[in-house]
Amino acid sequence: KYYGDAARAADLGARMVSLLPEFGHVDALIPVPLHAGRERERGYNQSTLIAKAISEETGVPVRDVLKRTRQTASQTRLSGEERQKNVHGAFATVPAWSPAPGKRFVLIDDVRTTGATLNACAETLKAFRPSLVGVLTFAMDMHRDDVERLRRYEAGLKRSIGPGPGARPRTAPTHPPRAPRRGPPAHPRAARAA
């Protein structure tokens, strides 16, 4: 998004298509908006391009109905709390849009960092009493502590389900190796184990 390569949005959207069915029926894909000034600078809104790519594959319409009401500071160097304050009240819907209650919307963005922007957008949409406001992003930024927790969790899963087929144990056996058996095996299974 920072280097003017808008063509990548189609690839990102195509990769996200397989996740959309997890939301069930969806009435509209709603891209997270950029402020008009920032969109003019960049030349496009990456979220809108991604949403359009998903729409082309799925037939779910894109509704570009959220607008930024004010320019917000770039969030790249803000803490989670600062991000929430930065985007609080920064979104509104276009005046002409008035969906019936009970609709199902999925917000589309490229990256979820703290979720502050997505939460602010979802809060704006809640005024229309939807039955769902889902979020679909291509990537999710994780804090170091969260990454470490995820690694510990995955390691615990591997220990609880054991190694995969054909995997070798990581440590040497704690018992001495058996002496080779002489003569025929006592039981047919023993032949396979020996």
C-alpha atoms as a PDB file:
ATOM      1  CA  LYS A   1       0.000   0.000   0.000  1.00  0.00           C
ATOM      2  CA  TYR A   2       2.918   2.336   0.589  1.00  0.00           C
ATOM      3  CA  TYR A   3       4.684   1.752  -2.732  1.00  0.00           C
ATOM      4  CA  GLY A   4       1.861   2.329  -5.206  1.00  0.00           C
ATOM      5  CA  ASP A   5       1.471  -1.326  -6.182  1.00  0.00           C
ATOM      6  CA  ALA A   6      -2.327  -1.441  -6.336  1.00  0.00           C
ATOM      7  CA  ALA A   7      -2.242  -4.595  -8.497  1.00  0.00           C
ATOM      8  CA  ARG A   8      -1.351  -6.704  -5.449  1.00  0.00           C
ATOM      9  CA  ALA A   9      -4.819  -6.117  -4.007  1.00  0.00           C
ATOM     10  CA  ALA A  10      -6.352  -8.608  -6.454  1.00  0.00           C
ATOM     11  CA  ASP A  11      -3.968 -11.318  -5.239  1.00  0.00           C
ATOM     12  CA  LEU A  12      -4.659 -10.498  -1.581  1.00  0.00           C
ATOM     13  CA  GLY A  13      -8.414 -10.585  -2.206  1.00  0.00           C
ATOM     14  CA  ALA A  14      -8.168 -13.917  -4.038  1.00  0.00           C
ATOM     15  CA  ARG A  15      -6.334 -15.408  -1.061  1.00  0.00           C
ATOM     16  CA  MET A  16      -9.032 -14.144   1.331  1.00  0.00           C
ATOM     17  CA  VAL A  17     -12.008 -15.537  -0.627  1.00  0.00           C
ATOM     18  CA  SER A  18     -11.815 -18.968   1.006  1.00  0.00           C
ATOM     19  CA  LEU A  19     -12.412 -17.412   4.448  1.00  0.00           C
ATOM     20  CA  LEU A  20     -15.632 -15.590   3.559  1.00  0.00           C
ATOM     21  CA  PRO A  21     -17.938 -18.657   3.892  1.00  0.00           C
ATOM     22  CA  GLU A  22     -17.116 -18.773   7.617  1.00  0.00           C
ATOM     23  CA  PHE A  23     -19.439 -15.763   8.024  1.00  0.00           C
ATOM     24  CA  GLY A  24     -22.414 -17.519   6.421  1.00  0.00           C
ATOM     25  CA  HIS A  25     -24.622 -15.331   4.269  1.00  0.00           C
ATOM     26  CA  VAL A  26     -23.094 -11.860   3.798  1.00  0.00           C
ATOM     27  CA  ASP A  27     -25.121  -8.912   2.505  1.00  0.00           C
ATOM     28  CA  ALA A  28     -22.198  -6.560   1.865  1.00  0.00           C
ATOM     29  CA  LEU A  29     -18.435  -6.193   2.026  1.00  0.00           C
ATOM     30  CA  ILE A  30     -17.561  -2.836   3.559  1.00  0.00           C
ATOM     31  CA  PRO A  31     -14.003  -1.577   3.062  1.00  0.00           C
ATOM     32  CA  VAL A  32     -12.314   0.398   5.818  1.00  0.00           C
ATOM     33  CA  PRO A  33     -12.027   3.956   4.451  1.00  0.00           C
ATOM     34  CA  LEU A  34      -9.018   6.194   4.138  1.00  0.00           C
ATOM     35  CA  HIS A  35      -9.369   9.914   4.684  1.00  0.00           C
ATOM     36  CA  ALA A  36     -10.010  11.593   1.311  1.00  0.00           C
ATOM     37  CA  GLY A  37      -6.663  13.431   1.490  1.00  0.00           C
ATOM     38  CA  ARG A  38      -4.702  10.264   2.178  1.00  0.00           C
ATOM     39  CA  GLU A  39      -6.537   8.418  -0.607  1.00  0.00           C
ATOM     40  CA  ARG A  40      -5.673  11.240  -3.036  1.00  0.00           C
ATOM     41  CA  GLU A  41      -1.993  10.998  -2.019  1.00  0.00           C
ATOM     42  CA  ARG A  42      -1.904   7.228  -2.431  1.00  0.00           C
ATOM     43  CA  GLY A  43      -4.162   7.120  -5.455  1.00  0.00           C
ATOM     44  CA  TYR A  44      -6.341   4.311  -4.109  1.00  0.00           C
ATOM     45  CA  ASN A  45      -7.750   2.708  -0.982  1.00  0.00           C
ATOM     46  CA  GLN A  46      -6.187  -0.754  -0.627  1.00  0.00           C
ATOM     47  CA  SER A  47      -9.196  -2.020   1.381  1.00  0.00           C
ATOM     48  CA  THR A  48     -11.603  -1.055  -1.393  1.00  0.00           C
ATOM     49  CA  LEU A  49      -9.443  -2.814  -3.997  1.00  0.00           C
ATOM     50  CA  ILE A  50      -9.273  -5.965  -1.863  1.00  0.00           C
ATOM     51  CA  ALA A  51     -13.045  -5.880  -1.269  1.00  0.00           C
ATOM     52  CA  LYS A  52     -13.662  -5.549  -5.024  1.00  0.00           C
ATOM     53  CA  ALA A  53     -11.407  -8.545  -5.715  1.00  0.00           C
ATOM     54  CA  ILE A  54     -13.335 -10.632  -3.175  1.00  0.00           C
ATOM     55  CA  SER A  55     -16.627  -9.429  -4.647  1.00  0.00           C
ATOM     56  CA  GLU A  56     -15.599 -10.468  -8.161  1.00  0.00           C
ATOM     57  CA  GLU A  57     -14.998 -14.019  -6.917  1.00  0.00           C
ATOM     58  CA  THR A  58     -18.041 -14.315  -4.642  1.00  0.00           C
ATOM     59  CA  GLY A  59     -20.708 -11.988  -5.997  1.00  0.00           C
ATOM     60  CA  VAL A  60     -21.099 -10.321  -2.579  1.00  0.00           C
ATOM     61  CA  PRO A  61     -21.538  -6.584  -3.273  1.00  0.00           C
ATOM     62  CA  VAL A  62     -19.095  -3.952  -2.054  1.00  0.00           C
ATOM     63  CA  ARG A  63     -20.727  -1.045  -0.246  1.00  0.00           C
ATOM     64  CA  ASP A  64     -18.293   1.836   0.129  1.00  0.00           C
ATOM     65  CA  VAL A  65     -20.478   3.489   2.773  1.00  0.00           C
ATOM     66  CA  LEU A  66     -18.044   4.312   5.581  1.00  0.00           C
ATOM     67  CA  LYS A  67     -16.230   7.650   5.492  1.00  0.00           C
ATOM     68  CA  ARG A  68     -13.614   9.195   7.727  1.00  0.00           C
ATOM     69  CA  THR A  69     -14.980  12.326   9.329  1.00  0.00           C
ATOM     70  CA  ARG A  70     -11.532  13.696  10.097  1.00  0.00           C
ATOM     71  CA  GLN A  71      -7.891  13.108   9.266  1.00  0.00           C
ATOM     72  CA  THR A  72      -6.266  10.882  11.882  1.00  0.00           C
ATOM     73  CA  ALA A  73      -2.587  10.541  12.679  1.00  0.00           C
ATOM     74  CA  SER A  74      -0.785   7.575  11.142  1.00  0.00           C
ATOM     75  CA  GLN A  75      -1.197   4.673  13.545  1.00  0.00           C
ATOM     76  CA  THR A  76       2.042   2.887  12.681  1.00  0.00           C
ATOM     77  CA  ARG A  77       3.892   4.182  15.759  1.00  0.00           C
ATOM     78  CA  LEU A  78       1.006   4.506  18.231  1.00  0.00           C
ATOM     79  CA  SER A  79       0.292   2.213  21.173  1.00  0.00           C
ATOM     80  CA  GLY A  80      -2.996   0.326  21.372  1.00  0.00           C
ATOM     81  CA  GLU A  81      -4.536   2.910  23.708  1.00  0.00           C
ATOM     82  CA  GLU A  82      -3.330   5.794  21.532  1.00  0.00           C
ATOM     83  CA  ARG A  83      -4.812   4.094  18.456  1.00  0.00           C
ATOM     84  CA  GLN A  84      -8.225   3.812  20.117  1.00  0.00           C
ATOM     85  CA  LYS A  85      -8.208   7.511  21.016  1.00  0.00           C
ATOM     86  CA  ASN A  86      -6.938   8.414  17.546  1.00  0.00           C
ATOM     87  CA  VAL A  87      -9.863   6.773  15.710  1.00  0.00           C
ATOM     88  CA  HIS A  88     -12.617   7.373  18.267  1.00  0.00           C
ATOM     89  CA  GLY A  89     -15.456   9.118  16.440  1.00  0.00           C
ATOM     90  CA  ALA A  90     -13.468   9.245  13.191  1.00  0.00           C
ATOM     91  CA  PHE A  91     -16.030   7.323  11.092  1.00  0.00           C
ATOM     92  CA  ALA A  92     -19.548   7.922   9.792  1.00  0.00           C
ATOM     93  CA  THR A  93     -21.710   6.450   7.069  1.00  0.00           C
ATOM     94  CA  VAL A  94     -22.722   8.283   3.927  1.00  0.00           C
ATOM     95  CA  PRO A  95     -26.071  10.014   4.578  1.00  0.00           C
ATOM     96  CA  ALA A  96     -27.958   8.274   1.759  1.00  0.00           C
ATOM     97  CA  TRP A  97     -27.205   4.770   3.083  1.00  0.00           C
ATOM     98  CA  SER A  98     -29.935   3.245   5.208  1.00  0.00           C
ATOM     99  CA  PRO A  99     -29.916  -0.564   5.257  1.00  0.00           C
ATOM    100  CA  ALA A 100     -32.715  -2.552   6.857  1.00  0.00           C
ATOM    101  CA  PRO A 101     -31.979  -3.962  10.341  1.00  0.00           C
ATOM    102  CA  GLY A 102     -30.640  -7.517  10.508  1.00  0.00           C
ATOM    103  CA  LYS A 103     -28.197  -7.244   7.596  1.00  0.00           C
ATOM    104  CA  ARG A 104     -24.868  -9.054   7.662  1.00  0.00           C
ATOM    105  CA  PHE A 105     -21.746  -7.008   6.923  1.00  0.00           C
ATOM    106  CA  VAL A 106     -18.074  -7.937   6.717  1.00  0.00           C
ATOM    107  CA  LEU A 107     -15.492  -5.179   7.123  1.00  0.00           C
ATOM    108  CA  ILE A 108     -12.505  -5.579   4.801  1.00  0.00           C
ATOM    109  CA  ASP A 109      -9.001  -4.303   5.554  1.00  0.00           C
ATOM    110  CA  ASP A 110      -5.457  -5.298   4.699  1.00  0.00           C
ATOM    111  CA  VAL A 111      -3.946  -5.586   8.208  1.00  0.00           C
ATOM    112  CA  ARG A 112      -5.350  -5.816  11.706  1.00  0.00           C
ATOM    113  CA  THR A 113      -2.932  -4.433  14.259  1.00  0.00           C
ATOM    114  CA  THR A 114      -4.703  -3.630  17.532  1.00  0.00           C
ATOM    115  CA  GLY A 115      -8.199  -3.699  16.040  1.00  0.00           C
ATOM    116  CA  ALA A 116      -8.859  -0.061  17.026  1.00  0.00           C
ATOM    117  CA  THR A 117      -9.792   1.058  13.498  1.00  0.00           C
ATOM    118  CA  LEU A 118     -11.927  -2.014  12.838  1.00  0.00           C
ATOM    119  CA  ASN A 119     -13.697  -1.616  16.190  1.00  0.00           C
ATOM    120  CA  ALA A 120     -14.438   2.053  15.460  1.00  0.00           C
ATOM    121  CA  CYS A 121     -15.880   1.090  12.059  1.00  0.00           C
ATOM    122  CA  ALA A 122     -17.968  -1.696  13.612  1.00  0.00           C
ATOM    123  CA  GLU A 123     -19.330   0.710  16.228  1.00  0.00           C
ATOM    124  CA  THR A 124     -20.439   3.045  13.447  1.00  0.00           C
ATOM    125  CA  LEU A 125     -22.248   0.206  11.645  1.00  0.00           C
ATOM    126  CA  LYS A 126     -24.014  -0.946  14.833  1.00  0.00           C
ATOM    127  CA  ALA A 127     -26.321   2.062  14.542  1.00  0.00           C
ATOM    128  CA  PHE A 128     -28.075   0.147  11.736  1.00  0.00           C
ATOM    129  CA  ARG A 129     -28.752  -2.887  13.982  1.00  0.00           C
ATOM    130  CA  PRO A 130     -27.038  -5.499  11.804  1.00  0.00           C
ATOM    131  CA  SER A 131     -27.161  -9.152  12.812  1.00  0.00           C
ATOM    132  CA  LEU A 132     -23.436  -9.441  12.003  1.00  0.00           C
ATOM    133  CA  VAL A 133     -20.466  -7.159  11.646  1.00  0.00           C
ATOM    134  CA  GLY A 134     -17.582  -9.455  10.810  1.00  0.00           C
ATOM    135  CA  VAL A 135     -13.977  -8.579  10.053  1.00  0.00           C
ATOM    136  CA  LEU A 136     -11.779 -10.050   7.342  1.00  0.00           C
ATOM    137  CA  THR A 137      -8.166  -8.921   6.991  1.00  0.00           C
ATOM    138  CA  PHE A 138      -5.289 -10.349   5.010  1.00  0.00           C
ATOM    139  CA  ALA A 139      -2.835 -10.190   7.900  1.00  0.00           C
ATOM    140  CA  MET A 140      -2.753  -9.655  11.628  1.00  0.00           C
ATOM    141  CA  ASP A 141       0.082  -7.964  13.444  1.00  0.00           C
ATOM    142  CA  MET A 142       0.883  -9.612  16.751  1.00  0.00           C
ATOM    143  CA  HIS A 143       2.694  -8.238  19.772  1.00  0.00           C
ATOM    144  CA  ARG A 144       5.787 -10.172  20.874  1.00  0.00           C
ATOM    145  CA  ASP A 145       3.981 -11.416  23.996  1.00  0.00           C
ATOM    146  CA  ASP A 146       1.121 -12.758  21.864  1.00  0.00           C
ATOM    147  CA  VAL A 147       3.550 -14.489  19.504  1.00  0.00           C
ATOM    148  CA  GLU A 148       5.294 -16.121  22.457  1.00  0.00           C
ATOM    149  CA  ARG A 149       1.957 -17.269  23.942  1.00  0.00           C
ATOM    150  CA  LEU A 150       0.996 -18.725  20.558  1.00  0.00           C
ATOM    151  CA  ARG A 151       4.324 -20.576  20.321  1.00  0.00           C
ATOM    152  CA  ARG A 152       3.881 -22.027  23.834  1.00  0.00           C
ATOM    153  CA  TYR A 153       0.315 -23.034  22.978  1.00  0.00           C
ATOM    154  CA  GLU A 154       1.423 -24.769  19.766  1.00  0.00           C
ATOM    155  CA  ALA A 155       4.250 -26.523  21.605  1.00  0.00           C
ATOM    156  CA  GLY A 156       1.740 -27.766  24.174  1.00  0.00           C
ATOM    157  CA  LEU A 157      -0.495 -29.096  21.400  1.00  0.00           C
ATOM    158  CA  LYS A 158       2.411 -30.969  19.834  1.00  0.00           C
ATOM    159  CA  ARG A 159       3.245 -32.546  23.192  1.00  0.00           C
ATOM    160  CA  SER A 160      -0.374 -33.529  23.844  1.00  0.00           C
ATOM    161  CA  ILE A 161      -0.974 -35.140  20.452  1.00  0.00           C
ATOM    162  CA  GLY A 162       2.517 -36.534  20.036  1.00  0.00           C
ATOM    163  CA  PRO A 163       4.804 -36.489  17.060  1.00  0.00           C
ATOM    164  CA  GLY A 164       3.420 -36.940  13.599  1.00  0.00           C
ATOM    165  CA  PRO A 165       3.752 -40.181  11.653  1.00  0.00           C
ATOM    166  CA  GLY A 166       7.341 -41.081  10.919  1.00  0.00           C
ATOM    167  CA  ALA A 167       8.721 -38.462  13.325  1.00  0.00           C
ATOM    168  CA  ARG A 168      11.777 -39.390  15.332  1.00  0.00           C
ATOM    169  CA  PRO A 169      11.912 -38.730  19.052  1.00  0.00           C
ATOM    170  CA  ARG A 170      13.880 -35.602  19.938  1.00  0.00           C
ATOM    171  CA  THR A 171      15.647 -37.173  22.912  1.00  0.00           C
ATOM    172  CA  ALA A 172      17.513 -40.426  23.328  1.00  0.00           C
ATOM    173  CA  PRO A 173      15.551 -43.279  24.908  1.00  0.00           C
ATOM    174  CA  THR A 174      15.910 -43.508  28.675  1.00  0.00           C
ATOM    175  CA  HIS A 175      16.172 -47.305  28.696  1.00  0.00           C
ATOM    176  CA  PRO A 176      19.175 -49.291  27.436  1.00  0.00           C
ATOM    177  CA  PRO A 177      18.765 -50.975  24.055  1.00  0.00           C
ATOM    178  CA  ARG A 178      17.587 -54.577  24.136  1.00  0.00           C
ATOM    179  CA  ALA A 179      19.976 -57.348  23.357  1.00  0.00           C
ATOM    180  CA  PRO A 180      19.248 -58.976  19.993  1.00  0.00           C
ATOM    181  CA  ARG A 181      16.826 -61.886  20.250  1.00  0.00           C
ATOM    182  CA  ARG A 182      18.054 -65.305  19.328  1.00  0.00           C
ATOM    183  CA  GLY A 183      15.824 -67.792  17.619  1.00  0.00           C
ATOM    184  CA  PRO A 184      12.366 -67.250  16.127  1.00  0.00           C
ATOM    185  CA  PRO A 185      10.121 -64.601  17.620  1.00  0.00           C
ATOM    186  CA  ALA A 186       7.757 -65.775  20.321  1.00  0.00           C
ATOM    187  CA  HIS A 187       4.774 -64.000  18.801  1.00  0.00           C
ATOM    188  CA  PRO A 188       4.027 -62.789  15.243  1.00  0.00           C
ATOM    189  CA  ARG A 189       3.856 -59.134  16.393  1.00  0.00           C
ATOM    190  CA  ALA A 190       7.269 -59.426  17.925  1.00  0.00           C
ATOM    191  CA  ALA A 191       8.698 -60.041  14.460  1.00  0.00           C
ATOM    192  CA  ARG A 192       7.549 -56.655  13.295  1.00  0.00           C
ATOM    193  CA  ALA A 193       8.766 -54.923  16.419  1.00  0.00           C
ATOM    194  CA  ALA A 194      12.202 -56.562  16.418  1.00  0.00           C
END
